[in-house]
Each structure stands twice: as structure tokens, then as C-alpha cells.
N, C-alpha and C. Protein backbone atom coordinates (compact mmCIF):
# COMPACT_ATOMS: atom_id res chain seq x y z
N MET A 1 -7.61 -14.88 -12.26
CA MET A 1 -7.13 -13.45 -11.72
C MET A 1 -8.30 -12.91 -11.74
N THR A 2 -8.19 -12.17 -10.32
CA THR A 2 -9.79 -11.39 -10.18
C THR A 2 -9.53 -9.93 -10.75
N LYS A 3 -10.73 -9.39 -10.82
CA LYS A 3 -10.34 -7.81 -11.72
C LYS A 3 -10.10 -6.60 -10.44
N ILE A 4 -9.09 -6.00 -10.50
CA ILE A 4 -9.36 -5.16 -9.59
C ILE A 4 -10.60 -4.08 -9.41
N THR A 5 -10.74 -4.35 -8.17
CA THR A 5 -12.24 -3.54 -7.52
C THR A 5 -12.01 -1.90 -7.56
N ALA A 6 -13.35 -1.18 -7.79
CA ALA A 6 -13.22 0.07 -7.70
C ALA A 6 -12.43 0.68 -6.29
N ALA A 7 -13.20 -0.05 -5.15
CA ALA A 7 -12.14 0.47 -3.99
C ALA A 7 -10.72 0.16 -3.62
N GLU A 8 -10.31 -0.91 -4.70
CA GLU A 8 -8.56 -0.98 -4.68
C GLU A 8 -8.68 -0.28 -5.77
N ARG A 9 -8.75 0.44 -6.66
CA ARG A 9 -8.27 1.50 -7.28
C ARG A 9 -8.38 3.16 -6.54
N ALA A 10 -9.41 3.29 -5.61
CA ALA A 10 -9.33 3.86 -4.65
C ALA A 10 -8.42 4.19 -4.00
N PHE A 11 -7.97 2.78 -3.61
CA PHE A 11 -7.04 2.81 -2.35
C PHE A 11 -5.48 3.02 -2.91
N LEU A 12 -5.77 2.45 -3.97
CA LEU A 12 -4.08 2.92 -4.68
C LEU A 12 -4.06 4.40 -5.29
N SER A 13 -5.32 4.87 -5.35
CA SER A 13 -5.03 6.64 -5.27
C SER A 13 -4.66 7.12 -4.48
N ARG A 14 -4.73 6.77 -3.28
CA ARG A 14 -4.84 7.67 -2.09
C ARG A 14 -3.35 7.39 -1.14
N ALA A 15 -3.01 5.94 -2.17
CA ALA A 15 -1.63 5.17 -1.50
C ALA A 15 -0.36 5.73 -0.83
N GLU A 16 -0.04 7.16 -2.28
CA GLU A 16 1.08 7.82 -1.60
C GLU A 16 0.83 9.09 -0.78
N ALA A 17 -0.11 9.30 -0.67
CA ALA A 17 -0.74 10.26 0.60
C ALA A 17 -0.43 9.80 2.05
N VAL A 18 -1.24 8.07 2.25
CA VAL A 18 -1.28 7.79 3.37
C VAL A 18 0.03 7.47 3.42
N THR A 19 0.91 6.77 2.50
CA THR A 19 2.45 6.44 2.78
C THR A 19 3.12 7.76 3.26
N GLU A 20 2.74 8.74 2.89
CA GLU A 20 3.86 9.93 3.43
C GLU A 20 3.23 10.45 4.76
N LYS A 21 1.87 10.30 4.94
CA LYS A 21 1.54 10.75 6.49
C LYS A 21 1.85 9.76 7.46
N LYS A 22 2.23 8.27 6.84
CA LYS A 22 2.72 7.36 8.16
C LYS A 22 4.14 7.78 8.36
N ARG A 23 4.99 8.17 7.22
CA ARG A 23 6.29 8.51 7.38
C ARG A 23 6.28 9.63 8.14
N THR A 24 5.66 10.39 8.18
CA THR A 24 5.70 11.95 8.83
C THR A 24 5.36 11.52 10.42
N ARG A 25 4.49 10.84 10.41
CA ARG A 25 3.80 10.35 11.89
C ARG A 25 5.15 9.64 12.72
N ALA A 26 5.67 8.69 12.01
CA ALA A 26 6.82 8.33 12.50
C ALA A 26 7.80 9.38 12.71
N ALA A 27 8.05 9.97 11.92
CA ALA A 27 9.31 10.85 11.89
C ALA A 27 8.98 11.94 13.34
N HIS A 28 7.65 12.15 13.65
CA HIS A 28 7.07 13.08 14.18
C HIS A 28 7.50 12.22 15.97
N TYR A 29 7.11 10.97 16.07
CA TYR A 29 7.68 10.23 17.38
C TYR A 29 9.01 9.81 17.62
N GLU A 30 9.82 9.82 16.38
CA GLU A 30 11.14 9.55 16.73
C GLU A 30 11.77 11.15 17.09
N GLN A 31 11.20 12.14 16.97
CA GLN A 31 11.63 13.36 17.26
C GLN A 31 11.30 13.56 18.60
N GLN A 32 9.93 13.06 19.09
CA GLN A 32 9.43 13.32 20.30
C GLN A 32 10.48 12.53 21.26
N LEU A 33 11.01 11.29 20.89
CA LEU A 33 11.95 10.56 21.51
C LEU A 33 13.18 10.96 22.08
N GLN A 34 13.48 11.79 20.90
CA GLN A 34 15.04 12.08 21.14
C GLN A 34 15.07 13.65 21.91
N VAL A 35 14.04 14.26 21.89
CA VAL A 35 13.70 15.31 23.15
C VAL A 35 13.63 14.91 24.43
N LEU A 36 12.95 13.70 24.65
CA LEU A 36 12.55 13.26 26.20
C LEU A 36 13.72 12.51 26.13
N ILE A 37 14.60 11.85 25.21
CA ILE A 37 16.05 11.16 25.91
C ILE A 37 16.76 12.68 26.55
N ALA A 38 17.01 13.26 25.49
CA ALA A 38 17.62 14.17 25.63
C ALA A 38 17.41 15.19 27.25
N GLU A 39 15.99 15.33 27.84
CA GLU A 39 15.84 15.61 28.81
C GLU A 39 15.95 14.62 30.26
N LEU A 40 16.32 13.39 30.20
CA LEU A 40 16.45 12.66 30.88
C LEU A 40 17.52 12.98 32.23
N GLN A 41 17.26 13.02 33.27
CA GLN A 41 18.05 13.81 34.29
C GLN A 41 17.74 12.70 35.48
N PRO A 42 18.62 12.27 36.38
CA PRO A 42 18.34 11.62 37.59
C PRO A 42 16.71 11.77 38.30
N GLY A 43 16.36 12.85 38.28
CA GLY A 43 15.33 13.12 39.13
C GLY A 43 13.77 12.58 38.51
N ASN A 44 13.96 13.03 37.10
CA ASN A 44 12.90 12.66 36.21
C ASN A 44 12.74 11.37 35.59
N ILE A 45 13.56 10.56 35.81
CA ILE A 45 13.38 9.41 35.04
C ILE A 45 12.21 8.63 35.08
N SER A 46 11.50 8.09 36.11
CA SER A 46 10.40 7.46 36.19
C SER A 46 9.29 8.45 35.27
N LYS A 47 9.16 9.54 35.42
CA LYS A 47 7.94 10.25 34.52
C LYS A 47 8.51 10.05 33.12
N LEU A 48 9.85 10.17 32.77
CA LEU A 48 10.34 10.35 31.10
C LEU A 48 9.85 8.98 30.76
N SER A 49 10.26 7.98 31.26
CA SER A 49 10.49 6.50 30.50
C SER A 49 9.14 6.26 30.65
N LYS A 50 8.12 6.56 31.37
CA LYS A 50 6.54 6.07 31.22
C LYS A 50 6.10 7.02 29.01
N GLN A 51 6.87 8.29 29.28
CA GLN A 51 6.37 8.92 28.03
C GLN A 51 7.04 8.20 27.00
N ILE A 52 8.46 8.06 27.32
CA ILE A 52 9.50 7.20 26.18
C ILE A 52 8.46 5.87 25.78
N LEU A 53 8.09 5.03 26.90
CA LEU A 53 7.35 3.82 26.55
C LEU A 53 6.12 3.91 25.74
N LYS A 54 5.66 4.86 26.15
CA LYS A 54 4.43 5.11 25.37
C LYS A 54 4.40 5.62 23.80
N ILE A 55 5.25 6.24 23.80
CA ILE A 55 5.92 6.76 22.41
C ILE A 55 6.14 5.82 21.44
N LEU A 56 7.23 4.90 21.94
CA LEU A 56 7.74 4.04 21.25
C LEU A 56 6.54 2.91 20.79
N THR A 57 5.77 2.73 22.00
CA THR A 57 4.36 1.59 21.77
C THR A 57 3.74 2.56 20.23
N GLN A 58 3.85 3.77 20.28
CA GLN A 58 3.18 4.60 19.15
C GLN A 58 3.83 4.03 17.79
N LEU A 59 5.13 4.42 18.25
CA LEU A 59 6.03 4.46 16.89
C LEU A 59 5.81 2.77 16.07
N GLU A 60 6.42 2.12 17.09
CA GLU A 60 6.22 0.40 16.91
C GLU A 60 4.72 0.20 15.82
N LYS A 61 3.84 0.64 16.39
CA LYS A 61 2.20 0.46 15.80
C LYS A 61 2.33 1.37 14.19
N THR A 62 2.85 2.45 14.45
CA THR A 62 2.93 3.28 13.25
C THR A 62 3.98 2.64 12.09
N GLU A 63 5.03 1.83 12.33
CA GLU A 63 5.51 1.24 11.67
C GLU A 63 5.37 -0.14 10.89
N ALA A 64 4.52 -0.83 12.15
CA ALA A 64 3.82 -2.04 11.43
C ALA A 64 2.62 -1.44 10.21
N GLU A 65 1.75 -0.49 10.68
CA GLU A 65 0.85 -0.12 9.83
C GLU A 65 1.71 0.37 8.56
N GLN A 66 2.60 0.52 8.38
CA GLN A 66 3.20 1.16 7.35
C GLN A 66 3.96 0.09 6.43
N GLU A 67 4.26 -0.77 7.39
CA GLU A 67 4.79 -2.23 6.58
C GLU A 67 3.32 -2.65 5.82
N ALA A 68 2.37 -2.83 6.83
CA ALA A 68 1.28 -3.40 6.09
C ALA A 68 0.96 -2.81 4.67
N HIS A 69 0.46 -1.36 4.76
CA HIS A 69 0.10 -0.51 3.91
C HIS A 69 0.92 -0.75 2.96
N ALA A 70 2.22 -0.54 2.85
CA ALA A 70 3.25 -1.17 1.58
C ALA A 70 2.76 -2.39 1.25
N ARG A 71 2.82 -3.10 2.02
CA ARG A 71 2.75 -4.61 1.30
C ARG A 71 1.55 -4.64 0.55
N LYS A 72 0.41 -3.88 0.90
CA LYS A 72 -1.19 -3.84 0.14
C LYS A 72 -0.73 -3.07 -0.94
N VAL A 73 -0.41 -2.29 -0.69
CA VAL A 73 -0.02 -1.39 -2.40
C VAL A 73 0.70 -2.25 -3.21
N ASN A 74 1.80 -2.76 -2.61
CA ASN A 74 2.68 -3.63 -3.78
C ASN A 74 1.89 -4.63 -4.14
N GLU A 75 0.98 -5.37 -3.52
CA GLU A 75 0.28 -6.40 -3.72
C GLU A 75 -0.83 -5.86 -5.04
N LEU A 76 -1.46 -5.16 -4.63
CA LEU A 76 -2.86 -4.17 -5.50
C LEU A 76 -2.17 -4.05 -6.70
N ARG A 77 -1.03 -3.33 -6.96
CA ARG A 77 -0.30 -2.84 -8.01
C ARG A 77 0.26 -3.88 -9.04
N ALA A 78 0.49 -4.92 -8.17
CA ALA A 78 1.23 -6.41 -9.08
C ALA A 78 -0.38 -6.48 -9.92
N LYS A 79 -1.21 -6.85 -9.07
CA LYS A 79 -2.97 -7.06 -9.78
C LYS A 79 -3.42 -6.36 -10.88
N GLN A 80 -2.79 -5.15 -10.37
CA GLN A 80 -3.34 -3.98 -11.63
C GLN A 80 -2.52 -4.28 -12.93
N GLN A 81 -1.14 -4.58 -12.71
CA GLN A 81 -0.29 -4.93 -13.95
C GLN A 81 -0.51 -5.74 -14.45
N THR A 82 -0.96 -6.88 -13.92
CA THR A 82 -1.29 -8.31 -14.12
C THR A 82 -2.49 -7.97 -15.27
N GLU A 83 -3.64 -7.39 -14.65
CA GLU A 83 -5.00 -7.21 -14.96
C GLU A 83 -4.47 -6.33 -16.73
N GLN A 84 -3.80 -4.91 -16.59
CA GLN A 84 -3.54 -4.29 -17.73
C GLN A 84 -2.74 -5.11 -18.67
N ALA A 85 -1.79 -5.98 -18.45
CA ALA A 85 -1.21 -6.90 -19.20
C ALA A 85 -2.18 -7.57 -20.13
N VAL A 86 -3.12 -8.32 -19.31
CA VAL A 86 -4.06 -8.98 -19.89
C VAL A 86 -4.96 -8.74 -21.09
N THR A 87 -5.16 -7.45 -20.48
CA THR A 87 -6.02 -6.28 -21.22
C THR A 87 -5.52 -6.02 -22.68
N HIS A 88 -4.48 -5.59 -22.52
CA HIS A 88 -3.49 -5.27 -23.08
C HIS A 88 -3.13 -6.78 -24.63
N LEU A 89 -3.02 -7.73 -23.85
CA LEU A 89 -2.84 -8.88 -24.86
C LEU A 89 -4.15 -9.23 -25.63
N CYS A 90 -5.06 -8.92 -25.11
CA CYS A 90 -6.41 -9.64 -25.76
C CYS A 90 -6.80 -8.35 -26.91
N ALA A 91 -6.07 -7.13 -26.47
CA ALA A 91 -6.63 -5.86 -27.68
C ALA A 91 -5.72 -6.36 -28.39
N GLU A 92 -4.34 -6.41 -28.49
CA GLU A 92 -3.55 -7.08 -29.53
C GLU A 92 -3.86 -8.37 -30.30
N ALA A 93 -4.47 -8.97 -29.83
CA ALA A 93 -4.97 -10.40 -30.30
C ALA A 93 -6.35 -10.16 -31.26
N ASN A 94 -7.28 -9.04 -30.67
CA ASN A 94 -8.35 -8.52 -31.54
C ASN A 94 -7.84 -8.08 -32.80
N LYS A 95 -6.89 -7.26 -32.68
CA LYS A 95 -6.39 -6.21 -34.03
C LYS A 95 -5.48 -7.58 -34.95
N LEU A 96 -4.97 -8.46 -34.00
CA LEU A 96 -4.40 -9.60 -35.00
C LEU A 96 -5.65 -10.38 -36.07
N ALA A 97 -6.72 -10.41 -35.08
CA ALA A 97 -7.63 -11.57 -35.33
C ALA A 97 -8.71 -10.82 -36.54
N GLY A 98 -8.85 -9.55 -36.41
CA GLY A 98 -9.90 -8.99 -37.28
C GLY A 98 -11.06 -9.16 -36.77
N THR A 99 -11.91 -8.96 -37.58
CA THR A 99 -13.33 -8.75 -37.47
C THR A 99 -14.13 -10.51 -36.55
N ASP A 100 -13.46 -11.27 -37.26
CA ASP A 100 -14.24 -12.41 -36.98
C ASP A 100 -13.74 -12.88 -35.83
N GLY A 101 -11.96 -12.92 -35.41
CA GLY A 101 -11.73 -13.53 -34.15
C GLY A 101 -11.73 -12.61 -33.11
N ALA A 102 -12.22 -11.51 -33.22
CA ALA A 102 -12.53 -10.30 -32.20
C ALA A 102 -13.14 -10.66 -30.98
N ASN A 103 -14.44 -11.56 -31.32
CA ASN A 103 -15.27 -11.69 -30.40
C ASN A 103 -14.31 -13.08 -29.59
N PHE A 104 -13.57 -13.79 -30.03
CA PHE A 104 -13.04 -15.34 -29.48
C PHE A 104 -12.10 -14.32 -28.63
N PHE A 105 -11.29 -13.50 -28.77
CA PHE A 105 -10.32 -13.04 -27.81
C PHE A 105 -10.95 -12.14 -27.01
N THR A 106 -12.51 -11.24 -27.12
CA THR A 106 -12.88 -10.83 -26.08
C THR A 106 -13.23 -11.51 -25.15
N LYS A 107 -13.87 -12.74 -25.28
CA LYS A 107 -14.39 -13.99 -24.91
C LYS A 107 -13.15 -14.33 -23.92
N ALA A 108 -12.22 -14.79 -24.35
CA ALA A 108 -10.83 -15.34 -23.76
C ALA A 108 -10.35 -14.52 -22.76
N GLY A 109 -10.42 -13.27 -23.11
CA GLY A 109 -9.89 -12.54 -21.61
C GLY A 109 -11.10 -12.43 -20.84
N LYS A 110 -12.32 -12.39 -20.72
CA LYS A 110 -12.93 -12.76 -19.31
C LYS A 110 -12.96 -13.96 -18.59
N ILE A 111 -12.33 -14.97 -19.30
CA ILE A 111 -11.78 -15.97 -18.45
C ILE A 111 -11.19 -15.87 -17.25
N PHE A 112 -9.91 -15.11 -17.83
CA PHE A 112 -9.22 -14.35 -16.66
C PHE A 112 -9.74 -13.76 -15.60
N ASP A 113 -10.87 -13.08 -15.84
CA ASP A 113 -11.73 -12.43 -15.13
C ASP A 113 -12.25 -13.08 -13.77
N ASN A 114 -12.79 -14.50 -14.05
CA ASN A 114 -13.34 -15.30 -13.45
C ASN A 114 -12.42 -16.06 -12.66
N GLN A 115 -11.25 -15.74 -12.66
CA GLN A 115 -10.25 -16.55 -11.87
C GLN A 115 -10.03 -16.21 -10.56
């Protein structure tokens, strides 16, 4: 287990705001598509179809970014939870072991950091 880095902690602290921004952007593209589709008439199909295609491309890109972001957030949160569980386990072991065993469990916890 590798320790969660400062950059990863910073990423997680901003994760909700980024997720919301991507949701808002996707909703905006979907709204633009609905407006353009409502405006489709026989005389302007060519012009509007180009705009629709452009917006669909942007929407697909945004959704792919959103999925990648969510996957990274989930991976980092799992990593963070594992790290916290190991830290908690070592702290509990130190309490149970008392002064003599404390150094052993502190050093044992560092083994997880190096993997």
C-alpha cells in the first residue's frame, strides 16, 4: 500500500466541486441540444445538424471526463480508507502493547507504506 500523496489529498478535496461542474456542463449541452432539435425545420437542417454534431461531441467528451473523474475519485477514496484503517490498526496495537511494544507496531505500520 502506498501512502496517499498531498496532491491526491488536494484532488479529493476538490472532487465534489469538479464533479458538480462536469454535471452542470453536461446538463448545459443537453439543454442546447434540445433547443436545436426543437428548431429543426426543413430549411435549416444542414446548419443545425452541424451544431448538433458539435454539441454531441462536446457532451460525449464531458461524459467521458466525468466517468474518468469518478473512477479516480473512487480509487483514491478507497486508498485513503485503507491507509486510515492501517493507521487506526497500528494505533490500537500500540495502545494494547504499551510502551515496550509501541515501537514495534509503529515500525510494522511503515511496512505498509513501502509497498
